[in-house]
Amino acid sequence: MIGGLGLDGAYDTTLDRMNSEGKGKSTLGMAALMRIPRSERPMRIGSYATPRQLRLALRDMDYDNNPLKKALLASCLGLVTVDESSIVRLVHFSLREYFNQHTEHFKSPHVAMAVLLNVS
C-alpha cells in the first residue's frame, strides 16, 4: 500500500493530478499513456504524440536540453520511464493492468485520442 491508497488509489490520484495540469501537458501525458501500452513495438521519444500535441505541451513548458524527453516525463508525472535507448515504457507492469481494469477511457483509446486531438 502506498500512503494507505494501494496501487489503484495511487494511480487514480496521479491521473487526477495529470488531468488538472495545463491543457498541453495533460493532453501530451494522456496521449502517451494511451499509446504506450497498446504499441506493437517499443516506442521511442517523439513517436508517442502528434506534432499538435507536442506544440501544446512545449508551449506550457520551458525546456532547452532534450525537450521531448523532459516534456514526456513531466507530462506523465512518473508513470513512464525512458531507457538509455530512448525507448518509452510504463514504469511498472501493474499500470498496464490498471488501465485494462479500472480506467474507462483507456479501454477505448482511439475514441479518447480523437476527443483529445479535437479539443481546441
N, C-alpha and C. Protein backbone atom coordinates (compact mmCIF):
# COMPACT_ATOMS: atom_id res chain seq x y z
N MET A 1 0.83 -1.18 0.00
CA MET A 1 0.00 0.00 0.00
C MET A 1 0.88 1.25 0.00
N ILE A 2 0.50 2.23 -0.79
CA ILE A 2 1.25 3.48 -0.87
C ILE A 2 0.41 4.56 -0.21
N GLY A 3 0.87 5.05 0.93
CA GLY A 3 0.15 6.11 1.63
C GLY A 3 -1.28 5.73 1.99
N GLY A 4 -1.55 4.42 2.18
CA GLY A 4 -2.88 3.97 2.53
C GLY A 4 -3.83 3.86 1.36
N LEU A 5 -3.38 4.19 0.14
CA LEU A 5 -4.26 4.17 -1.02
C LEU A 5 -4.20 2.88 -1.81
N GLY A 6 -3.12 2.13 -1.72
CA GLY A 6 -2.93 0.98 -2.60
C GLY A 6 -2.52 1.48 -3.97
N LEU A 7 -2.14 0.56 -4.85
CA LEU A 7 -1.70 0.97 -6.18
C LEU A 7 -2.81 1.65 -6.97
N ASP A 8 -4.01 1.09 -6.93
CA ASP A 8 -5.12 1.69 -7.68
C ASP A 8 -5.36 3.13 -7.24
N GLY A 9 -5.36 3.37 -5.94
CA GLY A 9 -5.55 4.72 -5.43
C GLY A 9 -4.43 5.66 -5.82
N ALA A 10 -3.21 5.14 -5.81
CA ALA A 10 -2.07 5.96 -6.22
C ALA A 10 -2.18 6.32 -7.70
N TYR A 11 -2.57 5.35 -8.53
CA TYR A 11 -2.74 5.63 -9.96
C TYR A 11 -3.91 6.60 -10.18
N ASP A 12 -5.02 6.42 -9.45
CA ASP A 12 -6.15 7.36 -9.56
C ASP A 12 -5.71 8.78 -9.24
N THR A 13 -4.99 8.93 -8.15
CA THR A 13 -4.53 10.25 -7.71
C THR A 13 -3.60 10.88 -8.75
N THR A 14 -2.69 10.09 -9.29
CA THR A 14 -1.75 10.61 -10.29
C THR A 14 -2.48 11.03 -11.55
N LEU A 15 -3.44 10.22 -12.02
CA LEU A 15 -4.19 10.59 -13.22
C LEU A 15 -5.05 11.82 -12.98
N ASP A 16 -5.61 11.97 -11.78
CA ASP A 16 -6.36 13.18 -11.46
C ASP A 16 -5.45 14.41 -11.51
N ARG A 17 -4.24 14.28 -10.95
CA ARG A 17 -3.27 15.39 -11.00
C ARG A 17 -2.90 15.70 -12.45
N MET A 18 -2.71 14.65 -13.25
CA MET A 18 -2.35 14.86 -14.65
C MET A 18 -3.46 15.62 -15.38
N ASN A 19 -4.69 15.25 -15.14
CA ASN A 19 -5.82 15.91 -15.81
C ASN A 19 -6.00 17.35 -15.36
N SER A 20 -5.47 17.71 -14.19
CA SER A 20 -5.61 19.08 -13.72
C SER A 20 -4.45 19.98 -14.17
N GLU A 21 -3.47 19.40 -14.85
CA GLU A 21 -2.34 20.18 -15.36
C GLU A 21 -2.81 21.05 -16.52
N GLY A 22 -1.92 21.89 -17.03
CA GLY A 22 -2.24 22.71 -18.20
C GLY A 22 -2.67 21.83 -19.36
N LYS A 23 -3.50 22.38 -20.23
CA LYS A 23 -4.09 21.61 -21.32
C LYS A 23 -3.05 20.87 -22.16
N GLY A 24 -2.00 21.54 -22.56
CA GLY A 24 -0.98 20.91 -23.40
C GLY A 24 -0.28 19.77 -22.69
N LYS A 25 0.09 20.01 -21.46
CA LYS A 25 0.79 18.99 -20.68
C LYS A 25 -0.12 17.79 -20.43
N SER A 26 -1.35 18.03 -20.07
CA SER A 26 -2.30 16.96 -19.82
C SER A 26 -2.56 16.14 -21.09
N THR A 27 -2.75 16.82 -22.21
CA THR A 27 -3.00 16.14 -23.48
C THR A 27 -1.83 15.26 -23.87
N LEU A 28 -0.63 15.77 -23.73
CA LEU A 28 0.57 15.00 -24.08
C LEU A 28 0.70 13.77 -23.19
N GLY A 29 0.51 13.94 -21.90
CA GLY A 29 0.61 12.81 -20.97
C GLY A 29 -0.44 11.74 -21.25
N MET A 30 -1.67 12.15 -21.44
CA MET A 30 -2.72 11.18 -21.72
C MET A 30 -2.49 10.48 -23.05
N ALA A 31 -2.01 11.21 -24.06
CA ALA A 31 -1.73 10.59 -25.36
C ALA A 31 -0.67 9.51 -25.22
N ALA A 32 0.37 9.80 -24.46
CA ALA A 32 1.43 8.81 -24.26
C ALA A 32 0.90 7.60 -23.51
N LEU A 33 0.13 7.82 -22.46
CA LEU A 33 -0.38 6.71 -21.66
C LEU A 33 -1.40 5.86 -22.43
N MET A 34 -2.06 6.44 -23.40
CA MET A 34 -2.99 5.67 -24.22
C MET A 34 -2.26 4.84 -25.26
N ARG A 35 -1.15 5.34 -25.76
CA ARG A 35 -0.46 4.66 -26.85
C ARG A 35 0.57 3.65 -26.39
N ILE A 36 1.30 3.94 -25.34
CA ILE A 36 2.41 3.07 -24.93
C ILE A 36 1.96 1.64 -24.64
N PRO A 37 0.90 1.42 -23.86
CA PRO A 37 0.52 0.03 -23.56
C PRO A 37 0.01 -0.74 -24.78
N ARG A 38 -0.43 -0.05 -25.80
CA ARG A 38 -1.02 -0.71 -26.96
C ARG A 38 -0.10 -0.75 -28.19
N SER A 39 1.08 -0.26 -28.02
CA SER A 39 2.03 -0.23 -29.12
C SER A 39 2.50 -1.65 -29.47
N GLU A 40 2.60 -1.93 -30.76
CA GLU A 40 3.03 -3.25 -31.21
C GLU A 40 4.54 -3.40 -31.14
N ARG A 41 5.25 -2.31 -31.08
CA ARG A 41 6.71 -2.35 -30.95
C ARG A 41 7.12 -1.26 -29.96
N PRO A 42 8.33 -1.35 -29.42
CA PRO A 42 8.77 -0.33 -28.47
C PRO A 42 8.67 1.08 -29.06
N MET A 43 8.17 2.00 -28.28
CA MET A 43 8.03 3.38 -28.73
C MET A 43 9.23 4.19 -28.29
N ARG A 44 9.69 5.04 -29.17
CA ARG A 44 10.82 5.91 -28.88
C ARG A 44 10.32 7.33 -28.63
N ILE A 45 11.16 8.12 -28.02
CA ILE A 45 10.84 9.53 -27.77
C ILE A 45 10.37 10.17 -29.08
N GLY A 46 9.28 10.90 -29.01
CA GLY A 46 8.77 11.61 -30.17
C GLY A 46 7.74 10.83 -30.98
N SER A 47 7.64 9.52 -30.79
CA SER A 47 6.69 8.74 -31.57
C SER A 47 5.35 8.56 -30.85
N TYR A 48 5.21 9.13 -29.68
CA TYR A 48 4.02 8.94 -28.86
C TYR A 48 3.01 10.06 -29.02
N ALA A 49 3.36 11.12 -29.73
CA ALA A 49 2.46 12.26 -29.82
C ALA A 49 2.46 12.85 -31.22
N THR A 50 1.38 13.54 -31.53
CA THR A 50 1.28 14.23 -32.81
C THR A 50 2.02 15.57 -32.69
N PRO A 51 2.38 16.16 -33.82
CA PRO A 51 3.01 17.49 -33.76
C PRO A 51 2.17 18.52 -33.00
N ARG A 52 0.85 18.46 -33.14
CA ARG A 52 -0.02 19.41 -32.43
C ARG A 52 0.08 19.22 -30.92
N GLN A 53 0.09 17.96 -30.46
CA GLN A 53 0.21 17.69 -29.03
C GLN A 53 1.55 18.19 -28.51
N LEU A 54 2.60 17.97 -29.27
CA LEU A 54 3.92 18.44 -28.85
C LEU A 54 3.97 19.96 -28.75
N ARG A 55 3.39 20.65 -29.73
CA ARG A 55 3.37 22.12 -29.69
C ARG A 55 2.63 22.61 -28.46
N LEU A 56 1.47 22.03 -28.17
CA LEU A 56 0.69 22.44 -27.00
C LEU A 56 1.47 22.22 -25.72
N ALA A 57 2.10 21.06 -25.59
CA ALA A 57 2.83 20.74 -24.36
C ALA A 57 4.06 21.61 -24.21
N LEU A 58 4.83 21.78 -25.27
CA LEU A 58 6.06 22.54 -25.18
C LEU A 58 5.79 24.03 -24.96
N ARG A 59 4.62 24.49 -25.39
CA ARG A 59 4.24 25.88 -25.14
C ARG A 59 4.07 26.11 -23.64
N ASP A 60 3.57 25.09 -22.94
CA ASP A 60 3.35 25.20 -21.50
C ASP A 60 4.62 24.98 -20.68
N MET A 61 5.69 24.49 -21.32
CA MET A 61 6.91 24.15 -20.60
C MET A 61 8.10 24.87 -21.22
N ASP A 62 9.14 25.04 -20.46
CA ASP A 62 10.33 25.71 -20.96
C ASP A 62 11.53 24.78 -20.78
N TYR A 63 11.78 23.96 -21.77
CA TYR A 63 12.90 23.02 -21.70
C TYR A 63 13.82 23.27 -22.89
N ASP A 64 15.12 23.42 -22.60
CA ASP A 64 16.05 23.70 -23.66
C ASP A 64 16.93 22.51 -24.02
N ASN A 65 17.15 21.56 -23.12
CA ASN A 65 18.00 20.43 -23.39
C ASN A 65 17.14 19.16 -23.43
N ASN A 66 17.04 18.53 -24.60
CA ASN A 66 16.21 17.35 -24.82
C ASN A 66 14.75 17.62 -24.43
N PRO A 67 14.11 18.55 -25.10
CA PRO A 67 12.76 18.95 -24.69
C PRO A 67 11.73 17.84 -24.79
N LEU A 68 11.84 16.95 -25.77
CA LEU A 68 10.83 15.91 -25.91
C LEU A 68 10.85 14.95 -24.72
N LYS A 69 12.01 14.52 -24.31
CA LYS A 69 12.11 13.61 -23.17
C LYS A 69 11.62 14.29 -21.90
N LYS A 70 12.05 15.51 -21.67
CA LYS A 70 11.63 16.22 -20.46
C LYS A 70 10.13 16.50 -20.48
N ALA A 71 9.59 16.84 -21.64
CA ALA A 71 8.15 17.10 -21.75
C ALA A 71 7.36 15.82 -21.47
N LEU A 72 7.82 14.70 -22.02
CA LEU A 72 7.13 13.43 -21.79
C LEU A 72 7.15 13.06 -20.31
N LEU A 73 8.32 13.09 -19.71
CA LEU A 73 8.43 12.70 -18.31
C LEU A 73 7.63 13.63 -17.40
N ALA A 74 7.66 14.93 -17.68
CA ALA A 74 6.90 15.88 -16.88
C ALA A 74 5.40 15.70 -17.05
N SER A 75 4.96 15.42 -18.27
CA SER A 75 3.53 15.31 -18.52
C SER A 75 2.94 14.01 -18.00
N CYS A 76 3.75 12.98 -17.83
CA CYS A 76 3.25 11.68 -17.35
C CYS A 76 3.41 11.51 -15.84
N LEU A 77 3.99 12.48 -15.16
CA LEU A 77 4.08 12.50 -13.69
C LEU A 77 4.62 11.21 -13.08
N GLY A 78 5.66 10.66 -13.70
CA GLY A 78 6.31 9.49 -13.13
C GLY A 78 5.72 8.16 -13.54
N LEU A 79 4.72 8.15 -14.41
CA LEU A 79 4.11 6.89 -14.82
C LEU A 79 4.84 6.21 -15.98
N VAL A 80 5.77 6.92 -16.60
CA VAL A 80 6.58 6.32 -17.66
C VAL A 80 8.06 6.55 -17.36
N THR A 81 8.88 5.78 -18.02
CA THR A 81 10.32 5.92 -17.91
C THR A 81 10.91 5.84 -19.32
N VAL A 82 12.10 6.38 -19.48
CA VAL A 82 12.79 6.34 -20.76
C VAL A 82 14.14 5.68 -20.51
N ASP A 83 14.42 4.61 -21.25
CA ASP A 83 15.68 3.91 -21.03
C ASP A 83 16.81 4.54 -21.85
N GLU A 84 18.00 3.96 -21.75
CA GLU A 84 19.18 4.52 -22.42
C GLU A 84 19.08 4.47 -23.94
N SER A 85 18.16 3.66 -24.49
CA SER A 85 17.94 3.58 -25.94
C SER A 85 16.82 4.50 -26.40
N SER A 86 16.36 5.38 -25.52
CA SER A 86 15.25 6.31 -25.78
C SER A 86 13.92 5.61 -25.99
N ILE A 87 13.78 4.40 -25.46
CA ILE A 87 12.52 3.68 -25.52
C ILE A 87 11.68 4.05 -24.31
N VAL A 88 10.42 4.37 -24.57
CA VAL A 88 9.49 4.81 -23.54
C VAL A 88 8.69 3.61 -23.06
N ARG A 89 8.64 3.44 -21.75
CA ARG A 89 7.92 2.31 -21.16
C ARG A 89 7.09 2.78 -19.96
N LEU A 90 6.04 2.02 -19.66
CA LEU A 90 5.32 2.27 -18.42
C LEU A 90 6.25 1.94 -17.26
N VAL A 91 6.11 2.64 -16.16
CA VAL A 91 7.02 2.48 -15.04
C VAL A 91 6.89 1.11 -14.37
N HIS A 92 5.72 0.47 -14.48
CA HIS A 92 5.52 -0.82 -13.82
C HIS A 92 4.42 -1.59 -14.55
N PHE A 93 4.52 -2.93 -14.59
CA PHE A 93 3.52 -3.74 -15.28
C PHE A 93 2.13 -3.58 -14.68
N SER A 94 2.04 -3.25 -13.40
CA SER A 94 0.74 -3.09 -12.77
C SER A 94 -0.05 -1.91 -13.35
N LEU A 95 0.65 -0.96 -13.93
CA LEU A 95 -0.03 0.18 -14.55
C LEU A 95 -0.82 -0.28 -15.78
N ARG A 96 -0.25 -1.18 -16.57
CA ARG A 96 -0.97 -1.74 -17.73
C ARG A 96 -2.24 -2.46 -17.24
N GLU A 97 -2.12 -3.23 -16.17
CA GLU A 97 -3.28 -3.93 -15.61
C GLU A 97 -4.33 -2.93 -15.12
N TYR A 98 -3.88 -1.87 -14.49
CA TYR A 98 -4.78 -0.82 -14.02
C TYR A 98 -5.57 -0.23 -15.19
N PHE A 99 -4.86 0.11 -16.27
CA PHE A 99 -5.54 0.69 -17.43
C PHE A 99 -6.57 -0.28 -18.00
N ASN A 100 -6.24 -1.56 -18.03
CA ASN A 100 -7.16 -2.55 -18.58
C ASN A 100 -8.38 -2.77 -17.69
N GLN A 101 -8.26 -2.57 -16.40
CA GLN A 101 -9.35 -2.90 -15.48
C GLN A 101 -10.14 -1.71 -14.95
N HIS A 102 -9.50 -0.56 -14.75
CA HIS A 102 -10.14 0.49 -13.96
C HIS A 102 -10.44 1.80 -14.67
N THR A 103 -9.78 2.11 -15.72
CA THR A 103 -9.92 3.44 -16.31
C THR A 103 -10.69 3.35 -17.62
N GLU A 104 -11.92 3.80 -17.62
CA GLU A 104 -12.82 3.61 -18.76
C GLU A 104 -12.27 4.18 -20.07
N HIS A 105 -11.72 5.37 -20.07
CA HIS A 105 -11.27 5.95 -21.34
C HIS A 105 -10.03 5.25 -21.89
N PHE A 106 -9.33 4.46 -21.09
CA PHE A 106 -8.20 3.70 -21.62
C PHE A 106 -8.65 2.42 -22.30
N LYS A 107 -9.91 2.03 -22.12
CA LYS A 107 -10.43 0.85 -22.81
C LYS A 107 -10.75 1.17 -24.27
N SER A 108 -10.98 2.42 -24.61
CA SER A 108 -11.25 2.85 -25.98
C SER A 108 -10.28 3.97 -26.34
N PRO A 109 -8.99 3.66 -26.46
CA PRO A 109 -8.01 4.74 -26.65
C PRO A 109 -8.16 5.50 -27.95
N HIS A 110 -8.65 4.85 -29.01
CA HIS A 110 -8.79 5.57 -30.28
C HIS A 110 -9.85 6.66 -30.20
N VAL A 111 -10.95 6.36 -29.54
CA VAL A 111 -12.00 7.36 -29.35
C VAL A 111 -11.49 8.49 -28.47
N ALA A 112 -10.84 8.15 -27.37
CA ALA A 112 -10.33 9.17 -26.46
C ALA A 112 -9.28 10.04 -27.14
N MET A 113 -8.41 9.44 -27.96
CA MET A 113 -7.40 10.22 -28.67
C MET A 113 -8.07 11.20 -29.62
N ALA A 114 -9.11 10.76 -30.32
CA ALA A 114 -9.81 11.66 -31.23
C ALA A 114 -10.40 12.85 -30.48
N VAL A 115 -10.95 12.60 -29.31
CA VAL A 115 -11.51 13.68 -28.50
C VAL A 115 -10.38 14.63 -28.06
N LEU A 116 -9.27 14.08 -27.58
CA LEU A 116 -8.15 14.93 -27.15
C LEU A 116 -7.63 15.79 -28.29
N LEU A 117 -7.52 15.23 -29.47
CA LEU A 117 -6.95 15.97 -30.60
C LEU A 117 -7.89 17.04 -31.13
N ASN A 118 -9.18 16.89 -30.94
CA ASN A 118 -10.14 17.86 -31.48
C ASN A 118 -10.50 18.95 -30.50
N VAL A 119 -10.02 18.87 -29.26
CA VAL A 119 -10.30 19.92 -28.29
C VAL A 119 -9.39 21.10 -28.58
N SER A 120 -9.96 22.30 -28.72
CA SER A 120 -9.10 23.45 -29.03
C SER A 120 -8.65 24.17 -27.79
